Amino acid sequence: ALPILYALLAGGLCCGPTDLHCLNIALRLGAAASVVPIYLSLTMLLQIVTGGIFFGEFKNFRDVAQMVMFWISAACMLSCVLAMARAMASDAEANSLACQEGVAETASGIQLPQGAES
């Protein structure tokens, strides 16, 4: 079991900085309101898959239907997070356009003159 531990440690030491570098690039190129939820949901899915493989959890599925339902639910979760991120990005874009026109919109939908935001 010791060689597996070293392999996992080496993989973590290589992938950790790469993961943070990719997150940094994504935050530089995109809005944090969309990047962070996508990043967190993908890392959660990766942790589920890693745990399922490492601890042998996928062997405990009773039949193919249970495995299919698991992957459908994971895909549903990812699609909901992507939809939420797109909606947040479009809201941010609409607010940016409104600010360029001299009107800022608050989270409750109230429009304020430019410079009156708190």
PDB file of N, CA and C in Angstrom:
ATOM      1  N   ALA A   1       0.827  -1.200   0.000  1.00  0.00           N
ATOM      2  CA  ALA A   1       0.000   0.000   0.000  1.00  0.00           C
ATOM      3  C   ALA A   1       0.865   1.254   0.000  1.00  0.00           C
ATOM      4  N   LEU A   2       2.111   1.146   0.386  1.00  0.00           N
ATOM      5  CA  LEU A   2       2.989   2.307   0.450  1.00  0.00           C
ATOM      6  C   LEU A   2       3.290   2.909  -0.924  1.00  0.00           C
ATOM      7  N   PRO A   3       3.528   2.123  -1.976  1.00  0.00           N
ATOM      8  CA  PRO A   3       3.757   2.731  -3.294  1.00  0.00           C
ATOM      9  C   PRO A   3       2.535   3.508  -3.795  1.00  0.00           C
ATOM     10  N   ILE A   4       1.355   3.041  -3.489  1.00  0.00           N
ATOM     11  CA  ILE A   4       0.144   3.754  -3.896  1.00  0.00           C
ATOM     12  C   ILE A   4       0.082   5.106  -3.192  1.00  0.00           C
ATOM     13  N   LEU A   5       0.455   5.137  -1.929  1.00  0.00           N
ATOM     14  CA  LEU A   5       0.467   6.383  -1.180  1.00  0.00           C
ATOM     15  C   LEU A   5       1.426   7.389  -1.816  1.00  0.00           C
ATOM     16  N   TYR A   6       2.611   6.926  -2.196  1.00  0.00           N
ATOM     17  CA  TYR A   6       3.578   7.814  -2.831  1.00  0.00           C
ATOM     18  C   TYR A   6       3.079   8.296  -4.196  1.00  0.00           C
ATOM     19  N   ALA A   7       2.413   7.416  -4.939  1.00  0.00           N
ATOM     20  CA  ALA A   7       1.870   7.806  -6.243  1.00  0.00           C
ATOM     21  C   ALA A   7       0.788   8.863  -6.072  1.00  0.00           C
ATOM     22  N   LEU A   8      -0.091   8.693  -5.082  1.00  0.00           N
ATOM     23  CA  LEU A   8      -1.131   9.688  -4.830  1.00  0.00           C
ATOM     24  C   LEU A   8      -0.537  11.008  -4.363  1.00  0.00           C
ATOM     25  N   LEU A   9       0.469  10.941  -3.522  1.00  0.00           N
ATOM     26  CA  LEU A   9       1.137  12.151  -3.047  1.00  0.00           C
ATOM     27  C   LEU A   9       1.814  12.894  -4.201  1.00  0.00           C
ATOM     28  N   ALA A  10       2.493  12.148  -5.073  1.00  0.00           N
ATOM     29  CA  ALA A  10       3.139  12.769  -6.231  1.00  0.00           C
ATOM     30  C   ALA A  10       2.103  13.375  -7.164  1.00  0.00           C
ATOM     31  N   GLY A  11       1.000  12.674  -7.382  1.00  0.00           N
ATOM     32  CA  GLY A  11      -0.064  13.211  -8.221  1.00  0.00           C
ATOM     33  C   GLY A  11      -0.664  14.474  -7.643  1.00  0.00           C
ATOM     34  N   GLY A  12      -0.867  14.485  -6.330  1.00  0.00           N
ATOM     35  CA  GLY A  12      -1.408  15.671  -5.677  1.00  0.00           C
ATOM     36  C   GLY A  12      -0.458  16.850  -5.739  1.00  0.00           C
ATOM     37  N   LEU A  13       0.831  16.585  -5.570  1.00  0.00           N
ATOM     38  CA  LEU A  13       1.822  17.665  -5.639  1.00  0.00           C
ATOM     39  C   LEU A  13       1.948  18.229  -7.051  1.00  0.00           C
ATOM     40  N   CYS A  14       1.706  17.412  -8.054  1.00  0.00           N
ATOM     41  CA  CYS A  14       1.754  17.897  -9.437  1.00  0.00           C
ATOM     42  C   CYS A  14       0.454  18.590  -9.834  1.00  0.00           C
ATOM     43  N   CYS A  15      -0.665  18.001  -9.459  1.00  0.00           N
ATOM     44  CA  CYS A  15      -1.965  18.522  -9.904  1.00  0.00           C
ATOM     45  C   CYS A  15      -2.419  19.737  -9.103  1.00  0.00           C
ATOM     46  N   GLY A  16      -2.030  19.855  -7.853  1.00  0.00           N
ATOM     47  CA  GLY A  16      -2.470  20.973  -7.028  1.00  0.00           C
ATOM     48  C   GLY A  16      -2.075  22.332  -7.581  1.00  0.00           C
ATOM     49  N   PRO A  17      -0.781  22.547  -7.838  1.00  0.00           N
ATOM     50  CA  PRO A  17      -0.389  23.837  -8.415  1.00  0.00           C
ATOM     51  C   PRO A  17      -0.988  24.082  -9.805  1.00  0.00           C
ATOM     52  N   THR A  18      -1.118  23.025 -10.598  1.00  0.00           N
ATOM     53  CA  THR A  18      -1.732  23.168 -11.921  1.00  0.00           C
ATOM     54  C   THR A  18      -3.188  23.586 -11.787  1.00  0.00           C
ATOM     55  N   ASP A  19      -3.885  23.007 -10.830  1.00  0.00           N
ATOM     56  CA  ASP A  19      -5.285  23.343 -10.566  1.00  0.00           C
ATOM     57  C   ASP A  19      -5.422  24.817 -10.188  1.00  0.00           C
ATOM     58  N   LEU A  20      -4.582  25.282  -9.293  1.00  0.00           N
ATOM     59  CA  LEU A  20      -4.636  26.686  -8.882  1.00  0.00           C
ATOM     60  C   LEU A  20      -4.253  27.631 -10.022  1.00  0.00           C
ATOM     61  N   HIS A  21      -3.316  27.216 -10.846  1.00  0.00           N
ATOM     62  CA  HIS A  21      -2.924  28.037 -11.992  1.00  0.00           C
ATOM     63  C   HIS A  21      -4.091  28.184 -12.976  1.00  0.00           C
ATOM     64  N   CYS A  22      -4.760  27.069 -13.252  1.00  0.00           N
ATOM     65  CA  CYS A  22      -5.915  27.114 -14.167  1.00  0.00           C
ATOM     66  C   CYS A  22      -7.044  27.951 -13.574  1.00  0.00           C
ATOM     67  N   LEU A  23      -7.279  27.845 -12.277  1.00  0.00           N
ATOM     68  CA  LEU A  23      -8.299  28.673 -11.632  1.00  0.00           C
ATOM     69  C   LEU A  23      -7.923  30.146 -11.731  1.00  0.00           C
ATOM     70  N   ASN A  24      -6.659  30.467 -11.533  1.00  0.00           N
ATOM     71  CA  ASN A  24      -6.200  31.845 -11.630  1.00  0.00           C
ATOM     72  C   ASN A  24      -6.424  32.400 -13.036  1.00  0.00           C
ATOM     73  N   ILE A  25      -6.124  31.603 -14.056  1.00  0.00           N
ATOM     74  CA  ILE A  25      -6.337  32.040 -15.435  1.00  0.00           C
ATOM     75  C   ILE A  25      -7.828  32.232 -15.698  1.00  0.00           C
ATOM     76  N   ALA A  26      -8.655  31.312 -15.234  1.00  0.00           N
ATOM     77  CA  ALA A  26     -10.094  31.423 -15.445  1.00  0.00           C
ATOM     78  C   ALA A  26     -10.659  32.664 -14.763  1.00  0.00           C
ATOM     79  N   LEU A  27     -10.178  32.965 -13.561  1.00  0.00           N
ATOM     80  CA  LEU A  27     -10.640  34.168 -12.870  1.00  0.00           C
ATOM     81  C   LEU A  27     -10.167  35.434 -13.569  1.00  0.00           C
ATOM     82  N   ARG A  28      -9.017  35.375 -14.198  1.00  0.00           N
ATOM     83  CA  ARG A  28      -8.526  36.541 -14.936  1.00  0.00           C
ATOM     84  C   ARG A  28      -9.357  36.771 -16.193  1.00  0.00           C
ATOM     85  N   LEU A  29      -9.812  35.683 -16.838  1.00  0.00           N
ATOM     86  CA  LEU A  29     -10.520  35.794 -18.105  1.00  0.00           C
ATOM     87  C   LEU A  29     -12.036  35.886 -17.957  1.00  0.00           C
ATOM     88  N   GLY A  30     -12.579  35.399 -16.852  1.00  0.00           N
ATOM     89  CA  GLY A  30     -14.033  35.366 -16.696  1.00  0.00           C
ATOM     90  C   GLY A  30     -14.481  35.995 -15.404  1.00  0.00           C
ATOM     91  N   ALA A  31     -15.784  36.123 -15.276  1.00  0.00           N
ATOM     92  CA  ALA A  31     -16.369  36.698 -14.065  1.00  0.00           C
ATOM     93  C   ALA A  31     -16.332  35.662 -12.941  1.00  0.00           C
ATOM     94  N   ALA A  32     -15.969  36.105 -11.763  1.00  0.00           N
ATOM     95  CA  ALA A  32     -15.896  35.197 -10.617  1.00  0.00           C
ATOM     96  C   ALA A  32     -17.254  34.573 -10.319  1.00  0.00           C
ATOM     97  N   ALA A  33     -18.333  35.290 -10.631  1.00  0.00           N
ATOM     98  CA  ALA A  33     -19.680  34.775 -10.373  1.00  0.00           C
ATOM     99  C   ALA A  33     -19.976  33.534 -11.200  1.00  0.00           C
ATOM    100  N   SER A  34     -19.306  33.363 -12.318  1.00  0.00           N
ATOM    101  CA  SER A  34     -19.520  32.157 -13.113  1.00  0.00           C
ATOM    102  C   SER A  34     -18.372  31.167 -12.964  1.00  0.00           C
ATOM    103  N   VAL A  35     -17.155  31.649 -12.778  1.00  0.00           N
ATOM    104  CA  VAL A  35     -15.999  30.756 -12.691  1.00  0.00           C
ATOM    105  C   VAL A  35     -16.019  29.935 -11.408  1.00  0.00           C
ATOM    106  N   VAL A  36     -16.276  30.564 -10.287  1.00  0.00           N
ATOM    107  CA  VAL A  36     -16.184  29.868  -8.999  1.00  0.00           C
ATOM    108  C   VAL A  36     -17.212  28.737  -8.864  1.00  0.00           C
ATOM    109  N   PRO A  37     -18.498  28.945  -9.185  1.00  0.00           N
ATOM    110  CA  PRO A  37     -19.439  27.816  -9.079  1.00  0.00           C
ATOM    111  C   PRO A  37     -19.080  26.648  -9.998  1.00  0.00           C
ATOM    112  N   ILE A  38     -18.629  26.968 -11.217  1.00  0.00           N
ATOM    113  CA  ILE A  38     -18.241  25.895 -12.131  1.00  0.00           C
ATOM    114  C   ILE A  38     -17.024  25.162 -11.586  1.00  0.00           C
ATOM    115  N   TYR A  39     -16.052  25.893 -11.094  1.00  0.00           N
ATOM    116  CA  TYR A  39     -14.843  25.286 -10.530  1.00  0.00           C
ATOM    117  C   TYR A  39     -15.193  24.370  -9.353  1.00  0.00           C
ATOM    118  N   LEU A  40     -16.025  24.876  -8.449  1.00  0.00           N
ATOM    119  CA  LEU A  40     -16.375  24.079  -7.267  1.00  0.00           C
ATOM    120  C   LEU A  40     -17.180  22.842  -7.634  1.00  0.00           C
ATOM    121  N   SER A  41     -18.098  22.965  -8.579  1.00  0.00           N
ATOM    122  CA  SER A  41     -18.902  21.790  -8.953  1.00  0.00           C
ATOM    123  C   SER A  41     -18.050  20.748  -9.670  1.00  0.00           C
ATOM    124  N   LEU A  42     -17.129  21.191 -10.513  1.00  0.00           N
ATOM    125  CA  LEU A  42     -16.262  20.224 -11.190  1.00  0.00           C
ATOM    126  C   LEU A  42     -15.308  19.545 -10.222  1.00  0.00           C
ATOM    127  N   THR A  43     -14.777  20.294  -9.251  1.00  0.00           N
ATOM    128  CA  THR A  43     -13.897  19.648  -8.275  1.00  0.00           C
ATOM    129  C   THR A  43     -14.682  18.685  -7.388  1.00  0.00           C
ATOM    130  N   MET A  44     -15.934  19.028  -7.065  1.00  0.00           N
ATOM    131  CA  MET A  44     -16.753  18.107  -6.276  1.00  0.00           C
ATOM    132  C   MET A  44     -17.019  16.821  -7.059  1.00  0.00           C
ATOM    133  N   LEU A  45     -17.338  16.943  -8.351  1.00  0.00           N
ATOM    134  CA  LEU A  45     -17.567  15.761  -9.174  1.00  0.00           C
ATOM    135  C   LEU A  45     -16.300  14.919  -9.278  1.00  0.00           C
ATOM    136  N   LEU A  46     -15.151  15.580  -9.434  1.00  0.00           N
ATOM    137  CA  LEU A  46     -13.887  14.848  -9.501  1.00  0.00           C
ATOM    138  C   LEU A  46     -13.599  14.119  -8.187  1.00  0.00           C
ATOM    139  N   GLN A  47     -13.901  14.756  -7.059  1.00  0.00           N
ATOM    140  CA  GLN A  47     -13.703  14.103  -5.766  1.00  0.00           C
ATOM    141  C   GLN A  47     -14.628  12.907  -5.601  1.00  0.00           C
ATOM    142  N   ILE A  48     -15.866  13.006  -6.092  1.00  0.00           N
ATOM    143  CA  ILE A  48     -16.799  11.877  -6.022  1.00  0.00           C
ATOM    144  C   ILE A  48     -16.271  10.707  -6.839  1.00  0.00           C
ATOM    145  N   VAL A  49     -15.815  10.998  -8.055  1.00  0.00           N
ATOM    146  CA  VAL A  49     -15.289   9.936  -8.917  1.00  0.00           C
ATOM    147  C   VAL A  49     -14.019   9.341  -8.322  1.00  0.00           C
ATOM    148  N   THR A  50     -13.127  10.184  -7.822  1.00  0.00           N
ATOM    149  CA  THR A  50     -11.899   9.686  -7.213  1.00  0.00           C
ATOM    150  C   THR A  50     -12.199   8.809  -6.007  1.00  0.00           C
ATOM    151  N   GLY A  51     -13.098   9.279  -5.141  1.00  0.00           N
ATOM    152  CA  GLY A  51     -13.483   8.477  -3.977  1.00  0.00           C
ATOM    153  C   GLY A  51     -14.155   7.179  -4.375  1.00  0.00           C
ATOM    154  N   GLY A  52     -14.995   7.228  -5.414  1.00  0.00           N
ATOM    155  CA  GLY A  52     -15.657   6.014  -5.880  1.00  0.00           C
ATOM    156  C   GLY A  52     -14.685   4.989  -6.403  1.00  0.00           C
ATOM    157  N   ILE A  53     -13.652   5.454  -7.077  1.00  0.00           N
ATOM    158  CA  ILE A  53     -12.641   4.531  -7.599  1.00  0.00           C
ATOM    159  C   ILE A  53     -11.719   4.056  -6.481  1.00  0.00           C
ATOM    160  N   PHE A  54     -11.202   4.986  -5.678  1.00  0.00           N
ATOM    161  CA  PHE A  54     -10.218   4.640  -4.652  1.00  0.00           C
ATOM    162  C   PHE A  54     -10.812   3.729  -3.580  1.00  0.00           C
ATOM    163  N   PHE A  55     -12.033   4.034  -3.123  1.00  0.00           N
ATOM    164  CA  PHE A  55     -12.656   3.237  -2.066  1.00  0.00           C
ATOM    165  C   PHE A  55     -13.546   2.122  -2.599  1.00  0.00           C
ATOM    166  N   GLY A  56     -13.615   1.971  -3.915  1.00  0.00           N
ATOM    167  CA  GLY A  56     -14.390   0.884  -4.505  1.00  0.00           C
ATOM    168  C   GLY A  56     -15.889   1.051  -4.349  1.00  0.00           C
ATOM    169  N   GLU A  57     -16.369   2.284  -4.252  1.00  0.00           N
ATOM    170  CA  GLU A  57     -17.793   2.530  -4.043  1.00  0.00           C
ATOM    171  C   GLU A  57     -18.634   2.169  -5.260  1.00  0.00           C
ATOM    172  N   PHE A  58     -18.049   2.279  -6.450  1.00  0.00           N
ATOM    173  CA  PHE A  58     -18.822   1.987  -7.649  1.00  0.00           C
ATOM    174  C   PHE A  58     -19.145   0.498  -7.765  1.00  0.00           C
ATOM    175  N   LYS A  59     -18.410  -0.350  -7.061  1.00  0.00           N
ATOM    176  CA  LYS A  59     -18.724  -1.785  -7.054  1.00  0.00           C
ATOM    177  C   LYS A  59     -20.034  -2.057  -6.321  1.00  0.00           C
ATOM    178  N   ASN A  60     -20.451  -1.121  -5.454  1.00  0.00           N
ATOM    179  CA  ASN A  60     -21.638  -1.343  -4.635  1.00  0.00           C
ATOM    180  C   ASN A  60     -22.942  -1.011  -5.343  1.00  0.00           C
ATOM    181  N   PHE A  61     -22.889  -0.550  -6.591  1.00  0.00           N
ATOM    182  CA  PHE A  61     -24.132  -0.358  -7.334  1.00  0.00           C
ATOM    183  C   PHE A  61     -24.787  -1.716  -7.534  1.00  0.00           C
ATOM    184  N   ARG A  62     -26.102  -1.787  -7.248  1.00  0.00           N
ATOM    185  CA  ARG A  62     -26.799  -3.065  -7.349  1.00  0.00           C
ATOM    186  C   ARG A  62     -27.006  -3.510  -8.790  1.00  0.00           C
ATOM    187  N   ASP A  63     -27.253  -2.545  -9.680  1.00  0.00           N
ATOM    188  CA  ASP A  63     -27.482  -2.891 -11.079  1.00  0.00           C
ATOM    189  C   ASP A  63     -27.099  -1.704 -11.961  1.00  0.00           C
ATOM    190  N   VAL A  64     -27.225  -1.900 -13.252  1.00  0.00           N
ATOM    191  CA  VAL A  64     -26.848  -0.858 -14.205  1.00  0.00           C
ATOM    192  C   VAL A  64     -27.753   0.361 -14.052  1.00  0.00           C
ATOM    193  N   ALA A  65     -29.017   0.149 -13.728  1.00  0.00           N
ATOM    194  CA  ALA A  65     -29.949   1.271 -13.580  1.00  0.00           C
ATOM    195  C   ALA A  65     -29.503   2.215 -12.468  1.00  0.00           C
ATOM    196  N   GLN A  66     -29.001   1.676 -11.381  1.00  0.00           N
ATOM    197  CA  GLN A  66     -28.520   2.516 -10.284  1.00  0.00           C
ATOM    198  C   GLN A  66     -27.298   3.329 -10.718  1.00  0.00           C
ATOM    199  N   MET A  67     -26.410   2.730 -11.489  1.00  0.00           N
ATOM    200  CA  MET A  67     -25.238   3.442 -11.974  1.00  0.00           C
ATOM    201  C   MET A  67     -25.654   4.542 -12.957  1.00  0.00           C
ATOM    202  N   VAL A  68     -26.605   4.239 -13.838  1.00  0.00           N
ATOM    203  CA  VAL A  68     -27.086   5.232 -14.793  1.00  0.00           C
ATOM    204  C   VAL A  68     -27.730   6.404 -14.056  1.00  0.00           C
ATOM    205  N   MET A  69     -28.512   6.127 -13.029  1.00  0.00           N
ATOM    206  CA  MET A  69     -29.150   7.195 -12.257  1.00  0.00           C
ATOM    207  C   MET A  69     -28.106   8.073 -11.559  1.00  0.00           C
ATOM    208  N   PHE A  70     -27.037   7.461 -11.082  1.00  0.00           N
ATOM    209  CA  PHE A  70     -25.958   8.239 -10.461  1.00  0.00           C
ATOM    210  C   PHE A  70     -25.362   9.223 -11.461  1.00  0.00           C
ATOM    211  N   TRP A  71     -25.038   8.754 -12.658  1.00  0.00           N
ATOM    212  CA  TRP A  71     -24.419   9.625 -13.653  1.00  0.00           C
ATOM    213  C   TRP A  71     -25.398  10.651 -14.197  1.00  0.00           C
ATOM    214  N   ILE A  72     -26.681  10.300 -14.285  1.00  0.00           N
ATOM    215  CA  ILE A  72     -27.687  11.279 -14.700  1.00  0.00           C
ATOM    216  C   ILE A  72     -27.800  12.386 -13.659  1.00  0.00           C
ATOM    217  N   SER A  73     -27.782  12.019 -12.384  1.00  0.00           N
ATOM    218  CA  SER A  73     -27.866  13.041 -11.333  1.00  0.00           C
ATOM    219  C   SER A  73     -26.616  13.933 -11.322  1.00  0.00           C
ATOM    220  N   ALA A  74     -25.450  13.359 -11.583  1.00  0.00           N
ATOM    221  CA  ALA A  74     -24.231  14.163 -11.659  1.00  0.00           C
ATOM    222  C   ALA A  74     -24.299  15.124 -12.847  1.00  0.00           C
ATOM    223  N   ALA A  75     -24.796  14.649 -13.976  1.00  0.00           N
ATOM    224  CA  ALA A  75     -24.945  15.517 -15.150  1.00  0.00           C
ATOM    225  C   ALA A  75     -25.981  16.607 -14.904  1.00  0.00           C
ATOM    226  N   CYS A  76     -27.047  16.272 -14.192  1.00  0.00           N
ATOM    227  CA  CYS A  76     -28.074  17.266 -13.849  1.00  0.00           C
ATOM    228  C   CYS A  76     -27.487  18.350 -12.954  1.00  0.00           C
ATOM    229  N   MET A  77     -26.686  17.952 -11.984  1.00  0.00           N
ATOM    230  CA  MET A  77     -26.051  18.926 -11.102  1.00  0.00           C
ATOM    231  C   MET A  77     -25.142  19.863 -11.887  1.00  0.00           C
ATOM    232  N   LEU A  78     -24.350  19.312 -12.789  1.00  0.00           N
ATOM    233  CA  LEU A  78     -23.453  20.143 -13.590  1.00  0.00           C
ATOM    234  C   LEU A  78     -24.227  21.079 -14.510  1.00  0.00           C
ATOM    235  N   SER A  79     -25.299  20.583 -15.113  1.00  0.00           N
ATOM    236  CA  SER A  79     -26.071  21.444 -16.011  1.00  0.00           C
ATOM    237  C   SER A  79     -26.754  22.568 -15.242  1.00  0.00           C
ATOM    238  N   CYS A  80     -27.214  22.298 -14.030  1.00  0.00           N
ATOM    239  CA  CYS A  80     -27.831  23.356 -13.215  1.00  0.00           C
ATOM    240  C   CYS A  80     -26.801  24.413 -12.817  1.00  0.00           C
ATOM    241  N   VAL A  81     -25.604  23.990 -12.471  1.00  0.00           N
ATOM    242  CA  VAL A  81     -24.558  24.951 -12.117  1.00  0.00           C
ATOM    243  C   VAL A  81     -24.167  25.783 -13.337  1.00  0.00           C
ATOM    244  N   LEU A  82     -24.068  25.151 -14.498  1.00  0.00           N
ATOM    245  CA  LEU A  82     -23.747  25.898 -15.711  1.00  0.00           C
ATOM    246  C   LEU A  82     -24.854  26.899 -16.044  1.00  0.00           C
ATOM    247  N   ALA A  83     -26.118  26.491 -15.882  1.00  0.00           N
ATOM    248  CA  ALA A  83     -27.231  27.408 -16.139  1.00  0.00           C
ATOM    249  C   ALA A  83     -27.194  28.586 -15.166  1.00  0.00           C
ATOM    250  N   MET A  84     -26.900  28.308 -13.902  1.00  0.00           N
ATOM    251  CA  MET A  84     -26.802  29.373 -12.907  1.00  0.00           C
ATOM    252  C   MET A  84     -25.655  30.326 -13.240  1.00  0.00           C
ATOM    253  N   ALA A  85     -24.517  29.782 -13.643  1.00  0.00           N
ATOM    254  CA  ALA A  85     -23.369  30.614 -13.977  1.00  0.00           C
ATOM    255  C   ALA A  85     -23.657  31.474 -15.201  1.00  0.00           C
ATOM    256  N   ARG A  86     -24.334  30.916 -16.199  1.00  0.00           N
ATOM    257  CA  ARG A  86     -24.694  31.702 -17.382  1.00  0.00           C
ATOM    258  C   ARG A  86     -25.658  32.817 -17.026  1.00  0.00           C
ATOM    259  N   ALA A  87     -26.626  32.516 -16.163  1.00  0.00           N
ATOM    260  CA  ALA A  87     -27.582  33.546 -15.751  1.00  0.00           C
ATOM    261  C   ALA A  87     -26.882  34.659 -14.987  1.00  0.00           C
ATOM    262  N   MET A  88     -25.956  34.300 -14.113  1.00  0.00           N
ATOM    263  CA  MET A  88     -25.212  35.312 -13.357  1.00  0.00           C
ATOM    264  C   MET A  88     -24.334  36.142 -14.290  1.00  0.00           C
ATOM    265  N   ALA A  89     -23.733  35.503 -15.282  1.00  0.00           N
ATOM    266  CA  ALA A  89     -22.883  36.231 -16.220  1.00  0.00           C
ATOM    267  C   ALA A  89     -23.717  37.186 -17.071  1.00  0.00           C
ATOM    268  N   SER A  90     -24.916  36.752 -17.488  1.00  0.00           N
ATOM    269  CA  SER A  90     -25.753  37.642 -18.294  1.00  0.00           C
ATOM    270  C   SER A  90     -26.276  38.798 -17.447  1.00  0.00           C
ATOM    271  N   ASP A  91     -26.569  38.549 -16.166  1.00  0.00           N
ATOM    272  CA  ASP A  91     -26.965  39.638 -15.270  1.00  0.00           C
ATOM    273  C   ASP A  91     -25.824  40.642 -15.100  1.00  0.00           C
ATOM    274  N   ALA A  92     -24.613  40.133 -14.952  1.00  0.00           N
ATOM    275  CA  ALA A  92     -23.454  41.019 -14.804  1.00  0.00           C
ATOM    276  C   ALA A  92     -23.246  41.837 -16.073  1.00  0.00           C
ATOM    277  N   GLU A  93     -23.463  41.211 -17.232  1.00  0.00           N
ATOM    278  CA  GLU A  93     -23.317  41.932 -18.495  1.00  0.00           C
ATOM    279  C   GLU A  93     -24.399  43.003 -18.638  1.00  0.00           C
ATOM    280  N   ALA A  94     -25.635  42.681 -18.232  1.00  0.00           N
ATOM    281  CA  ALA A  94     -26.720  43.662 -18.300  1.00  0.00           C
ATOM    282  C   ALA A  94     -26.445  44.835 -17.358  1.00  0.00           C
ATOM    283  N   ASN A  95     -25.935  44.545 -16.162  1.00  0.00           N
ATOM    284  CA  ASN A  95     -25.589  45.616 -15.224  1.00  0.00           C
ATOM    285  C   ASN A  95     -24.452  46.471 -15.760  1.00  0.00           C
ATOM    286  N   SER A  96     -23.501  45.828 -16.444  1.00  0.00           N
ATOM    287  CA  SER A  96     -22.392  46.583 -17.032  1.00  0.00           C
ATOM    288  C   SER A  96     -22.901  47.532 -18.109  1.00  0.00           C
ATOM    289  N   LEU A  97     -23.819  47.055 -18.944  1.00  0.00           N
ATOM    290  CA  LEU A  97     -24.394  47.912 -19.982  1.00  0.00           C
ATOM    291  C   LEU A  97     -25.205  49.042 -19.362  1.00  0.00           C
ATOM    292  N   ALA A  98     -25.936  48.735 -18.286  1.00  0.00           N
ATOM    293  CA  ALA A  98     -26.728  49.762 -17.614  1.00  0.00           C
ATOM    294  C   ALA A  98     -25.811  50.814 -16.989  1.00  0.00           C
ATOM    295  N   CYS A  99     -24.679  50.384 -16.447  1.00  0.00           N
ATOM    296  CA  CYS A  99     -23.740  51.334 -15.852  1.00  0.00           C
ATOM    297  C   CYS A  99     -23.135  52.234 -16.917  1.00  0.00           C
ATOM    298  N   GLN A 100     -22.902  51.678 -18.097  1.00  0.00           N
ATOM    299  CA  GLN A 100     -22.375  52.492 -19.182  1.00  0.00           C
ATOM    300  C   GLN A 100     -23.385  53.552 -19.615  1.00  0.00           C
ATOM    301  N   GLU A 101     -24.677  53.245 -19.438  1.00  0.00           N
ATOM    302  CA  GLU A 101     -25.724  54.189 -19.795  1.00  0.00           C
ATOM    303  C   GLU A 101     -26.031  55.156 -18.658  1.00  0.00           C
ATOM    304  N   GLY A 102     -25.359  54.999 -17.521  1.00  0.00           N
ATOM    305  CA  GLY A 102     -25.546  55.916 -16.404  1.00  0.00           C
ATOM    306  C   GLY A 102     -26.561  55.452 -15.386  1.00  0.00           C
ATOM    307  N   VAL A 103     -27.002  54.191 -15.474  1.00  0.00           N
ATOM    308  CA  VAL A 103     -27.982  53.663 -14.532  1.00  0.00           C
ATOM    309  C   VAL A 103     -27.424  52.360 -13.972  1.00  0.00           C
ATOM    310  N   ALA A 104     -27.448  52.235 -12.658  1.00  0.00           N
ATOM    311  CA  ALA A 104     -27.012  51.009 -12.005  1.00  0.00           C
ATOM    312  C   ALA A 104     -28.225  50.323 -11.410  1.00  0.00           C
ATOM    313  N   GLU A 105     -28.278  48.993 -11.532  1.00  0.00           N
ATOM    314  CA  GLU A 105     -29.405  48.248 -10.996  1.00  0.00           C
ATOM    315  C   GLU A 105     -28.944  47.482  -9.763  1.00  0.00           C
ATOM    316  N   THR A 106     -29.709  47.574  -8.682  1.00  0.00           N
ATOM    317  CA  THR A 106     -29.362  46.861  -7.460  1.00  0.00           C
ATOM    318  C   THR A 106     -29.840  45.428  -7.581  1.00  0.00           C
ATOM    319  N   ALA A 107     -29.489  44.607  -6.597  1.00  0.00           N
ATOM    320  CA  ALA A 107     -29.888  43.208  -6.609  1.00  0.00           C
ATOM    321  C   ALA A 107     -31.407  43.057  -6.563  1.00  0.00           C
ATOM    322  N   SER A 108     -32.113  44.015  -5.975  1.00  0.00           N
ATOM    323  CA  SER A 108     -33.575  43.924  -5.895  1.00  0.00           C
ATOM    324  C   SER A 108     -34.247  44.469  -7.140  1.00  0.00           C
ATOM    325  N   GLY A 109     -33.473  44.920  -8.120  1.00  0.00           N
ATOM    326  CA  GLY A 109     -34.049  45.400  -9.365  1.00  0.00           C
ATOM    327  C   GLY A 109     -34.317  46.891  -9.386  1.00  0.00           C
ATOM    328  N   ILE A 110     -33.977  47.609  -8.329  1.00  0.00           N
ATOM    329  CA  ILE A 110     -34.196  49.053  -8.266  1.00  0.00           C
ATOM    330  C   ILE A 110     -33.097  49.741  -9.060  1.00  0.00           C
ATOM    331  N   GLN A 111     -33.477  50.646  -9.942  1.00  0.00           N
ATOM    332  CA  GLN A 111     -32.493  51.354 -10.744  1.00  0.00           C
ATOM    333  C   GLN A 111     -32.087  52.640 -10.046  1.00  0.00           C
ATOM    334  N   LEU A 112     -30.794  52.839  -9.942  1.00  0.00           N
ATOM    335  CA  LEU A 112     -30.229  54.020  -9.289  1.00  0.00           C
ATOM    336  C   LEU A 112     -29.434  54.831 -10.296  1.00  0.00           C
ATOM    337  N   PRO A 113     -29.398  56.135 -10.145  1.00  0.00           N
ATOM    338  CA  PRO A 113     -28.529  56.949 -11.014  1.00  0.00           C
ATOM    339  C   PRO A 113     -27.068  56.588 -10.748  1.00  0.00           C
ATOM    340  N   GLN A 114     -26.224  56.756 -11.758  1.00  0.00           N
ATOM    341  CA  GLN A 114     -24.800  56.461 -11.614  1.00  0.00           C
ATOM    342  C   GLN A 114     -24.210  57.217 -10.441  1.00  0.00           C
ATOM    343  N   GLY A 115     -23.427  56.521  -9.605  1.00  0.00           N
ATOM    344  CA  GLY A 115     -22.784  57.135  -8.459  1.00  0.00           C
ATOM    345  C   GLY A 115     -23.608  57.032  -7.194  1.00  0.00           C
ATOM    346  N   ALA A 116     -24.843  56.544  -7.283  1.00  0.00           N
ATOM    347  CA  ALA A 116     -25.691  56.449  -6.108  1.00  0.00           C
ATOM    348  C   ALA A 116     -25.682  55.062  -5.493  1.00  0.00           C
ATOM    349  N   GLU A 117     -24.885  54.107  -6.088  1.00  0.00           N
ATOM    350  CA  GLU A 117     -24.842  52.760  -5.526  1.00  0.00           C
ATOM    351  C   GLU A 117     -24.146  52.785  -4.189  1.00  0.00           C
ATOM    352  N   SER A 118     -24.567  51.911  -3.315  1.00  0.00           N
ATOM    353  CA  SER A 118     -23.905  51.852  -1.999  1.00  0.00           C
ATOM    354  C   SER A 118     -23.145  50.571  -1.860  1.00  0.00           C
TER     355      SER A 118
END
